[in-house]
């Protein structure tokens, strides 16, 4: 059915048409009508399903019905990237309306964010931590709030944000409409939903997490030390034109980025140790085609939206099946198609089997023709764990040895400064001298015990 059947404001429908959206996705079809009717909504929605517009469109429609000039809607998200993505979607669909929005997240200055609070933008999209920072100031009042969205609730649980969310709720009016979206529904999230929602319309609550339809998945068995070479070879042969590539850690993302740069591949990285400006530039450069590879950690697995992204590469097998689903969900978004390749070293097979159980099928294994799987790696991308432990122990032992030598040198220098008389007087003699001195003060002074008796 077309969007027009949802009875949205004409200005929103015009923007959707200009954006190329002709019909709603299933989550939009299910969530928008009850939200337009004013009901709370509790929905399980996979990444890439179109859930951003599933909560934005009904809220924006209702804001247009009664303009008020104060902040009336708040969207809570787990990451900066997701907040920026939601604000971009909001700006796209409100182009023919007077509605305004602003993002509030860390890593950037608070001045423009303070201005958004003071000016009363219609919608604020925020991460919990930075929002709580603003709540310390008197200008950050949301007493006119009517709509609250909690997006990617299970990701917030993973990132330890649940206590922050509860603190945020204390600053919000209890009378409001709440839309609650989560890819999965673990027990802590279910409890939070029951606390926040009143008689909600429920959508897909029994759905098991699964990759979006349209994703072609494949596994490349490869020795750990040859993963970098395999990625470069796939790019060189044109098997992938661009790739969003996930690593397990920030340090490994840095090393893979350096490896790709040395191989002549335009690449950038995005993770928690990068500044917000660096993260924004990396993502925008990847979207614009400046970089063929964007190396990311799981902090970005739900916060990157690249139109028509063709390939996602799991350079490291994620330890949690849900992370696999969210990673590969960066491609085949909005019912498009894409490919997800997973590089699997022998020691990662158990994690892969857990993923296959979660998605309910065995993923096909692929061997790249004419690639030398027995080649000696040009360089180590990752130092083996045993070697890292040995290096740490050796460094600690060296530090202890240096500290001991330094202490011995200091003691020797101190001893050299003492005269023979100083050394002879060391030990119990000073105490005796203090005793004799005290007796002299007692005989000759006015404050000693002997003087008081005299």
Protein backbone atom coordinates (compact mmCIF):
# COMPACT_ATOMS: atom_id res chain seq x y z
CA UNK A 1 0.00 0.00 0.00
CA UNK A 2 1.22 3.58 -0.58
CA UNK A 3 2.16 6.01 2.20
CA UNK A 4 -0.95 8.06 1.40
CA UNK A 5 -3.14 5.40 3.03
CA UNK A 6 -1.56 6.21 6.42
CA UNK A 7 -3.21 9.67 6.44
CA UNK A 8 -0.01 11.56 7.19
CA UNK A 9 0.34 15.33 6.83
CA UNK A 10 0.62 16.33 3.12
CA UNK A 11 3.97 18.09 3.75
CA UNK A 12 5.44 14.85 5.08
CA UNK A 13 4.01 12.84 2.18
CA UNK A 14 5.53 15.29 -0.30
CA UNK A 15 8.96 14.92 1.30
CA UNK A 16 8.69 11.12 1.33
CA UNK A 17 7.87 11.14 -2.37
CA UNK A 18 10.87 13.37 -3.12
CA UNK A 19 13.06 11.01 -1.10
CA UNK A 20 11.90 8.12 -3.27
CA UNK A 21 9.82 6.36 -0.62
CA UNK A 22 6.60 5.16 -2.22
CA UNK A 23 5.32 2.57 0.23
CA UNK A 24 5.93 1.87 3.91
CA UNK A 25 8.02 -1.03 5.17
CA UNK A 26 6.30 -3.68 7.34
CA UNK A 27 7.40 -2.07 10.62
CA UNK A 28 6.11 1.30 9.41
CA UNK A 29 2.79 -0.23 8.36
CA UNK A 30 2.39 -1.82 11.81
CA UNK A 31 3.70 1.00 14.03
CA UNK A 32 2.48 4.23 12.45
CA UNK A 33 -1.34 3.77 12.81
CA UNK A 34 -1.36 3.09 16.59
CA UNK A 35 1.21 5.83 17.14
CA UNK A 36 -0.96 8.28 15.18
CA UNK A 37 -3.85 7.26 17.43
CA UNK A 38 -1.83 8.28 20.48
CA UNK A 39 -1.03 4.81 21.80
CA UNK A 40 2.27 3.74 23.28
CA UNK A 41 4.16 1.33 21.02
CA UNK A 42 6.43 -1.59 21.93
CA UNK A 43 8.16 -3.03 18.87
CA UNK A 44 10.90 -5.49 18.01
CA UNK A 45 12.44 -4.26 14.77
CA UNK A 46 15.59 -5.46 13.06
CA UNK A 47 18.20 -2.98 11.93
CA UNK A 48 17.59 -1.77 8.41
CA UNK A 49 13.83 -2.30 8.64
CA UNK A 50 12.88 1.38 8.37
CA UNK A 51 12.06 1.86 12.04
CA UNK A 52 13.46 5.42 12.14
CA UNK A 53 10.55 6.70 10.06
CA UNK A 54 8.23 4.31 11.93
CA UNK A 55 8.60 6.52 15.00
CA UNK A 56 9.44 9.88 13.38
CA UNK A 57 6.49 10.14 10.99
CA UNK A 58 3.64 9.78 13.52
CA UNK A 59 5.35 12.13 15.99
CA UNK A 60 6.02 14.77 13.33
CA UNK A 61 2.43 14.49 12.10
CA UNK A 62 1.09 15.14 15.59
CA UNK A 63 3.51 18.03 16.16
CA UNK A 64 2.22 19.69 12.98
CA UNK A 65 -1.37 19.41 14.23
CA UNK A 66 -0.65 21.70 17.20
CA UNK A 67 2.52 23.85 16.83
CA UNK A 68 3.67 25.20 20.18
CA UNK A 69 7.27 26.46 19.88
CA UNK A 70 8.69 24.32 22.69
CA UNK A 71 10.55 21.02 22.72
CA UNK A 72 7.85 18.39 22.71
CA UNK A 73 9.65 15.25 21.49
CA UNK A 74 12.80 13.46 22.67
CA UNK A 75 14.52 10.52 20.96
CA UNK A 76 17.07 8.61 23.04
CA UNK A 77 19.73 6.62 21.16
CA UNK A 78 22.86 4.73 22.24
CA UNK A 79 25.49 6.26 19.92
CA UNK A 80 26.50 9.56 18.39
CA UNK A 81 26.36 8.11 14.90
CA UNK A 82 22.79 6.92 15.36
CA UNK A 83 21.75 10.30 16.79
CA UNK A 84 23.24 12.07 13.75
CA UNK A 85 21.55 9.58 11.42
CA UNK A 86 18.12 10.12 13.01
CA UNK A 87 18.50 13.91 12.87
CA UNK A 88 19.44 13.67 9.19
CA UNK A 89 16.30 11.61 8.51
CA UNK A 90 14.23 14.14 10.46
CA UNK A 91 15.65 17.07 8.48
CA UNK A 92 15.00 15.24 5.20
CA UNK A 93 11.33 14.57 5.90
CA UNK A 94 10.52 17.99 7.47
CA UNK A 95 11.92 20.03 4.57
CA UNK A 96 8.45 21.38 3.72
CA UNK A 97 7.45 22.04 7.34
CA UNK A 98 8.45 24.59 10.03
CA UNK A 99 9.53 21.81 12.40
CA UNK A 100 13.06 21.91 13.81
CA UNK A 101 15.37 19.37 15.44
CA UNK A 102 18.76 19.18 17.12
CA UNK A 103 21.15 16.47 18.23
CA UNK A 104 22.68 16.29 21.70
CA UNK A 105 25.68 14.00 22.16
CA UNK A 106 29.23 13.98 23.50
CA UNK A 107 32.50 14.71 21.75
CA UNK A 108 31.39 18.15 20.53
CA UNK A 109 30.84 21.54 22.16
CA UNK A 110 27.82 22.06 24.40
CA UNK A 111 27.16 25.64 23.21
CA UNK A 112 24.99 24.84 20.16
CA UNK A 113 23.21 22.16 22.16
CA UNK A 114 22.42 24.66 24.93
CA UNK A 115 21.02 26.98 22.25
CA UNK A 116 18.72 24.18 21.07
CA UNK A 117 17.32 23.82 24.59
CA UNK A 118 16.86 27.57 25.01
CA UNK A 119 15.26 28.08 21.59
CA UNK A 120 12.88 25.17 22.07
CA UNK A 121 13.48 23.06 18.95
CA UNK A 122 10.60 20.69 18.30
CA UNK A 123 12.61 17.44 18.53
CA UNK A 124 15.82 16.66 20.40
CA UNK A 125 17.75 13.49 19.49
CA UNK A 126 20.15 12.64 22.31
CA UNK A 127 22.46 10.11 23.86
CA UNK A 128 21.74 9.57 27.58
CA UNK A 129 25.11 10.65 29.00
CA UNK A 130 25.30 14.05 27.32
CA UNK A 131 21.62 14.71 28.02
CA UNK A 132 22.25 14.17 31.73
CA UNK A 133 25.16 16.65 31.53
CA UNK A 134 22.73 19.30 30.26
CA UNK A 135 20.13 18.44 32.89
CA UNK A 136 22.56 19.82 35.51
CA UNK A 137 21.87 23.31 34.15
CA UNK A 138 18.61 25.27 34.66
CA UNK A 139 18.07 25.88 30.93
CA UNK A 140 17.64 22.15 30.16
CA UNK A 141 14.00 21.72 31.05
CA UNK A 142 11.71 19.43 29.09
CA UNK A 143 8.51 20.03 31.05
CA UNK A 144 6.54 20.47 27.80
CA UNK A 145 7.58 17.05 26.51
CA UNK A 146 4.75 15.00 24.98
CA UNK A 147 6.58 12.27 23.03
CA UNK A 148 9.47 10.02 24.02
CA UNK A 149 11.21 7.47 21.80
CA UNK A 150 13.66 4.90 23.11
CA UNK A 151 15.53 3.55 20.09
CA UNK A 152 17.85 0.51 20.10
CA UNK A 153 16.97 -0.22 23.71
CA UNK A 154 18.88 -3.52 23.80
CA UNK A 155 22.02 -1.78 22.54
CA UNK A 156 21.69 0.68 25.40
CA UNK A 157 21.57 -2.30 27.76
CA UNK A 158 24.75 -3.69 26.18
CA UNK A 159 26.50 -0.34 26.62
CA UNK A 160 25.46 0.01 30.27
CA UNK A 161 23.04 2.91 29.72
CA UNK A 162 20.04 1.56 31.64
CA UNK A 163 20.87 3.47 34.88
CA UNK A 164 21.29 6.64 32.81
CA UNK A 165 17.94 6.07 31.13
CA UNK A 166 16.23 5.77 34.50
CA UNK A 167 17.87 9.05 35.57
CA UNK A 168 16.70 10.74 32.37
CA UNK A 169 13.12 9.59 32.98
CA UNK A 170 13.11 11.46 36.30
CA UNK A 171 13.48 14.71 34.35
CA UNK A 172 10.55 14.03 32.00
CA UNK A 173 6.78 14.46 32.43
CA UNK A 174 5.10 11.18 33.33
CA UNK A 175 2.13 12.01 31.09
CA UNK A 176 3.47 11.39 27.58
CA UNK A 177 3.30 9.03 24.62
CA UNK A 178 6.22 6.58 24.53
CA UNK A 179 7.48 4.58 21.55
CA UNK A 180 9.87 1.79 22.53
CA UNK A 181 11.98 0.05 19.85
CA UNK A 182 14.43 -2.79 20.39
CA UNK A 183 15.94 -5.41 18.10
CA UNK A 184 15.69 -8.03 20.86
CA UNK A 185 13.79 -8.20 24.13
CA UNK A 186 16.06 -9.52 26.91
CA UNK A 187 14.55 -9.56 30.44
CA UNK A 188 15.99 -6.20 31.64
CA UNK A 189 14.58 -4.49 28.56
CA UNK A 190 11.20 -6.15 29.03
CA UNK A 191 11.12 -4.88 32.64
CA UNK A 192 12.01 -1.34 31.53
CA UNK A 193 9.31 -1.46 28.86
CA UNK A 194 6.67 -2.45 31.42
CA UNK A 195 7.73 0.48 33.62
CA UNK A 196 7.66 3.03 30.79
CA UNK A 197 4.63 2.01 28.71
CA UNK A 198 0.89 2.12 29.28
CA UNK A 199 -1.24 -0.40 27.38
CA UNK A 200 1.12 -0.42 24.38
CA UNK A 201 0.45 -1.68 20.89
CA UNK A 202 2.89 -4.58 20.55
CA UNK A 203 4.64 -5.47 17.30
CA UNK A 204 6.76 -8.53 16.48
CA UNK A 205 7.53 -9.35 20.11
CA UNK A 206 7.96 -13.04 19.34
CA UNK A 207 10.31 -12.36 16.44
CA UNK A 208 13.75 -13.87 16.70
CA UNK A 209 16.61 -11.65 15.63
CA UNK A 210 17.59 -12.43 12.04
CA UNK A 211 19.42 -10.69 9.23
CA UNK A 212 17.30 -8.57 6.92
CA UNK A 213 15.90 -10.17 3.78
CA UNK A 214 18.15 -9.46 0.81
CA UNK A 215 21.50 -10.12 2.48
CA UNK A 216 23.66 -12.76 0.78
CA UNK A 217 25.87 -14.26 3.49
CA UNK A 218 29.13 -16.15 2.96
CA UNK A 219 31.99 -17.43 5.11
CA UNK A 220 35.65 -17.29 4.07
CA UNK A 221 37.75 -19.73 6.12
CA UNK A 222 41.24 -18.20 6.34
CA UNK A 223 44.24 -18.29 8.72
CA UNK A 224 44.16 -15.39 11.17
CA UNK A 225 47.42 -13.94 9.87
CA UNK A 226 46.16 -13.85 6.23
CA UNK A 227 42.88 -12.02 6.83
CA UNK A 228 44.33 -8.67 5.82
CA UNK A 229 45.78 -10.07 2.60
CA UNK A 230 42.43 -11.72 1.75
CA UNK A 231 40.58 -8.43 2.21
CA UNK A 232 43.04 -6.59 -0.03
CA UNK A 233 42.79 -9.33 -2.68
CA UNK A 234 38.97 -9.21 -2.72
CA UNK A 235 39.16 -5.46 -3.26
CA UNK A 236 41.89 -5.78 -5.92
CA UNK A 237 39.87 -8.32 -7.91
CA UNK A 238 36.74 -6.21 -7.81
CA UNK A 239 34.76 -8.70 -5.71
CA UNK A 240 33.89 -5.64 -3.60
CA UNK A 241 33.92 -2.00 -4.63
CA UNK A 242 33.58 -0.77 -1.07
CA UNK A 243 33.26 -2.47 2.31
CA UNK A 244 32.24 -1.60 5.83
CA UNK A 245 34.63 -3.83 7.78
CA UNK A 246 34.15 -4.75 11.44
CA UNK A 247 36.90 -5.67 13.89
CA UNK A 248 36.52 -6.83 17.48
CA UNK A 249 38.67 -4.14 19.13
CA UNK A 250 39.77 -0.53 18.64
CA UNK A 251 43.45 -1.50 18.53
CA UNK A 252 42.78 -4.10 15.86
CA UNK A 253 40.83 -1.50 13.84
CA UNK A 254 43.86 0.79 13.98
CA UNK A 255 46.20 -1.98 12.85
CA UNK A 256 43.94 -3.03 9.98
CA UNK A 257 43.65 0.59 8.86
CA UNK A 258 47.44 0.89 8.81
CA UNK A 259 47.71 -2.42 6.92
CA UNK A 260 45.26 -1.26 4.25
CA UNK A 261 46.98 2.11 3.88
CA UNK A 262 50.32 0.35 3.36
CA UNK A 263 48.67 -1.80 0.67
CA UNK A 264 47.46 1.32 -1.15
CA UNK A 265 43.79 1.05 -0.18
CA UNK A 266 42.00 4.29 0.70
CA UNK A 267 40.57 3.51 4.13
CA UNK A 268 39.52 5.20 7.34
CA UNK A 269 38.47 3.98 10.78
CA UNK A 270 35.74 4.78 13.27
CA UNK A 271 35.72 3.74 16.95
CA UNK A 272 35.37 5.06 20.47
CA UNK A 273 38.89 6.53 20.73
CA UNK A 274 38.39 8.74 17.67
CA UNK A 275 37.13 12.29 18.18
CA UNK A 276 33.66 13.17 16.99
CA UNK A 277 35.12 15.27 14.18
CA UNK A 278 37.26 12.32 13.04
CA UNK A 279 34.32 9.93 13.20
CA UNK A 280 32.10 12.28 11.24
CA UNK A 281 34.75 12.85 8.56
CA UNK A 282 35.38 9.12 8.22
CA UNK A 283 31.69 8.31 7.78
CA UNK A 284 31.03 11.17 5.38
CA UNK A 285 34.16 10.31 3.38
CA UNK A 286 33.02 6.69 3.10
CA UNK A 287 29.54 7.72 1.98
CA UNK A 288 31.04 10.04 -0.63
CA UNK A 289 33.37 7.38 -2.01
CA UNK A 290 36.56 8.97 -0.71
CA UNK A 291 37.37 5.77 1.19
CA UNK A 292 36.82 2.26 -0.18
CA UNK A 293 36.96 0.71 3.28
CA UNK A 294 35.59 1.99 6.57
CA UNK A 295 36.99 -0.04 9.48
CA UNK A 296 34.67 0.03 12.49
CA UNK A 297 34.09 -1.54 15.86
CA UNK A 298 30.65 -2.57 17.11
CA UNK A 299 30.02 0.92 18.47
CA UNK A 300 29.08 1.74 14.87
CA UNK A 301 27.16 -1.42 13.99
CA UNK A 302 23.79 0.26 14.62
CA UNK A 303 24.78 3.83 13.84
CA UNK A 304 25.91 3.71 10.22
CA UNK A 305 23.42 4.22 7.44
CA UNK A 306 25.02 4.18 3.99
CA UNK A 307 22.61 4.21 1.07
CA UNK A 308 22.99 1.14 -1.16
CA UNK A 309 25.99 -0.19 0.78
CA UNK A 310 27.01 -3.33 -1.11
CA UNK A 311 29.30 -5.17 1.28
CA UNK A 312 29.84 -5.72 4.97
CA UNK A 313 32.90 -7.69 6.07
CA UNK A 314 33.20 -9.33 9.48
CA UNK A 315 36.98 -9.23 9.67
CA UNK A 316 36.62 -10.80 13.12
CA UNK A 317 33.76 -13.14 13.99
CA UNK A 318 31.62 -11.39 16.63
CA UNK A 319 31.35 -13.24 19.92
CA UNK A 320 27.61 -12.50 20.25
CA UNK A 321 25.23 -13.60 17.46
CA UNK A 322 23.13 -10.44 17.83
CA UNK A 323 26.21 -8.35 16.99
CA UNK A 324 26.57 -10.34 13.76
CA UNK A 325 22.97 -9.56 12.85
CA UNK A 326 23.40 -5.84 13.51
CA UNK A 327 26.70 -5.70 11.65
CA UNK A 328 25.39 -7.34 8.49
CA UNK A 329 22.23 -5.25 8.77
CA UNK A 330 24.24 -2.24 7.61
CA UNK A 331 23.73 -3.61 4.09
CA UNK A 332 20.43 -4.54 2.40
CA UNK A 333 18.77 -1.65 4.19
CA UNK A 334 15.24 -0.57 3.32
CA UNK A 335 14.63 -3.78 1.35
CA UNK A 336 17.69 -3.37 -0.91
CA UNK A 337 20.24 -6.15 -1.43
CA UNK A 338 23.79 -6.61 -0.22
CA UNK A 339 26.47 -9.12 0.67
CA UNK A 340 28.00 -9.98 4.03
CA UNK A 341 31.34 -11.80 4.13
CA UNK A 342 32.73 -13.28 7.36
CA UNK A 343 36.42 -14.17 7.67
CA UNK A 344 36.75 -17.17 9.97
CA UNK A 345 40.02 -18.39 11.46
CA UNK A 346 40.13 -21.94 12.91
CA UNK A 347 39.87 -20.69 16.51
CA UNK A 348 36.71 -18.71 15.61
CA UNK A 349 34.69 -21.70 14.43
CA UNK A 350 32.80 -22.09 17.76
CA UNK A 351 31.59 -18.45 17.55
CA UNK A 352 30.52 -19.03 13.94
CA UNK A 353 28.50 -22.12 14.92
CA UNK A 354 26.66 -20.04 17.53
CA UNK A 355 25.80 -17.49 14.82
CA UNK A 356 24.54 -20.24 12.51
CA UNK A 357 22.31 -21.57 15.28
CA UNK A 358 20.93 -18.06 15.80
CA UNK A 359 20.14 -17.48 12.11
CA UNK A 360 18.85 -21.03 11.69
CA UNK A 361 21.05 -22.20 8.83
CA UNK A 362 24.57 -23.15 7.86
CA UNK A 363 26.31 -20.35 6.04
CA UNK A 364 28.06 -21.27 2.76
CA UNK A 365 31.85 -21.57 2.81
CA UNK A 366 33.77 -19.85 0.02
CA UNK A 367 37.38 -20.29 -1.11
CA UNK A 368 38.90 -17.52 -3.24
CA UNK A 369 40.46 -19.10 -6.36
CA UNK A 370 44.23 -18.71 -6.75
CA UNK A 371 44.65 -17.11 -3.32
CA UNK A 372 47.62 -18.63 -1.48
CA UNK A 373 46.17 -19.73 1.84
CA UNK A 374 49.58 -21.13 2.87
CA UNK A 375 51.53 -17.95 2.14
CA UNK A 376 53.83 -16.43 4.70
CA UNK A 377 52.22 -13.17 5.87
CA UNK A 378 54.01 -9.96 4.91
CA UNK A 379 53.59 -8.69 8.46
CA UNK A 380 51.71 -9.43 11.64
CA UNK A 381 48.37 -7.70 11.96
CA UNK A 382 47.90 -9.07 15.45
CA UNK A 383 50.55 -10.08 17.96
CA UNK A 384 49.66 -13.54 19.35
CA UNK A 385 48.29 -13.51 22.90
CA UNK A 386 51.13 -15.63 24.33
CA UNK A 387 53.67 -13.29 22.79
CA UNK A 388 51.86 -10.20 24.14
CA UNK A 389 51.81 -11.71 27.65
CA UNK A 390 55.51 -12.58 27.43
CA UNK A 391 56.33 -9.04 26.27
CA UNK A 392 54.31 -7.51 29.12
CA UNK A 393 56.07 -9.72 31.68
CA UNK A 394 59.48 -8.87 30.23
CA UNK A 395 58.66 -5.16 30.32
CA UNK A 396 57.47 -5.37 33.93
CA UNK A 397 60.63 -7.26 34.93
CA UNK A 398 62.77 -4.62 33.23
CA UNK A 399 60.88 -1.84 35.02
CA UNK A 400 61.42 -3.56 38.39
CA UNK A 401 65.13 -4.00 37.62
CA UNK A 402 65.49 -0.33 36.70
CA UNK A 403 63.65 0.74 39.86
CA UNK A 404 65.91 -1.45 42.02
CA UNK A 405 69.06 -0.11 40.35
CA UNK A 406 67.84 3.45 40.81
CA UNK A 407 67.17 2.87 44.51
CA UNK A 408 70.64 1.38 44.95
CA UNK A 409 72.27 4.36 43.20
CA UNK A 410 70.33 6.78 45.38
CA UNK A 411 71.43 4.94 48.53
CA UNK A 412 75.05 4.92 47.36
CA UNK A 413 74.95 8.64 46.60
CA UNK A 414 73.45 9.39 50.01
CA UNK A 415 76.15 7.33 51.69
CA UNK A 416 78.87 9.17 49.77
CA UNK A 417 77.62 12.54 51.03
CA UNK A 418 77.99 11.52 54.71
CA UNK A 419 81.30 12.30 56.54
CA UNK A 420 83.00 9.66 58.74
CA UNK A 421 81.73 11.53 61.84
CA UNK A 422 78.16 11.46 60.40
CA UNK A 423 78.41 7.72 59.90
CA UNK A 424 79.84 7.21 63.43
CA UNK A 425 77.00 9.23 64.92
CA UNK A 426 74.31 7.24 63.05
CA UNK A 427 72.21 4.75 64.96
CA UNK A 428 71.13 5.20 68.59
CA UNK A 429 73.58 8.07 69.32
CA UNK A 430 71.29 10.87 68.08
CA UNK A 431 68.62 9.82 70.57
CA UNK A 432 71.19 10.06 73.37
CA UNK A 433 72.24 13.49 72.13
CA UNK A 434 68.63 14.60 72.16
CA UNK A 435 68.35 13.37 75.75
CA UNK A 436 71.42 15.35 76.86
CA UNK A 437 70.22 18.41 74.99
CA UNK A 438 66.87 18.13 76.72
CA UNK A 439 68.54 17.99 80.12
CA UNK A 440 70.59 21.10 79.28
CA UNK A 441 67.40 22.94 78.28
CA UNK A 442 65.81 21.76 81.52
CA UNK A 443 68.62 23.21 83.63
CA UNK A 444 69.03 26.44 81.81
CA UNK A 445 65.58 27.22 80.44
CA UNK A 446 62.31 28.26 81.89
CA UNK A 447 60.08 25.66 80.23
CA UNK A 448 61.74 22.32 81.19
CA UNK A 449 60.57 20.01 83.95
CA UNK A 450 63.68 20.78 86.13
CA UNK A 451 63.10 24.51 85.80
CA UNK A 452 59.53 24.16 86.97
CA UNK A 453 60.66 22.31 90.04
CA UNK A 454 63.37 24.88 90.82
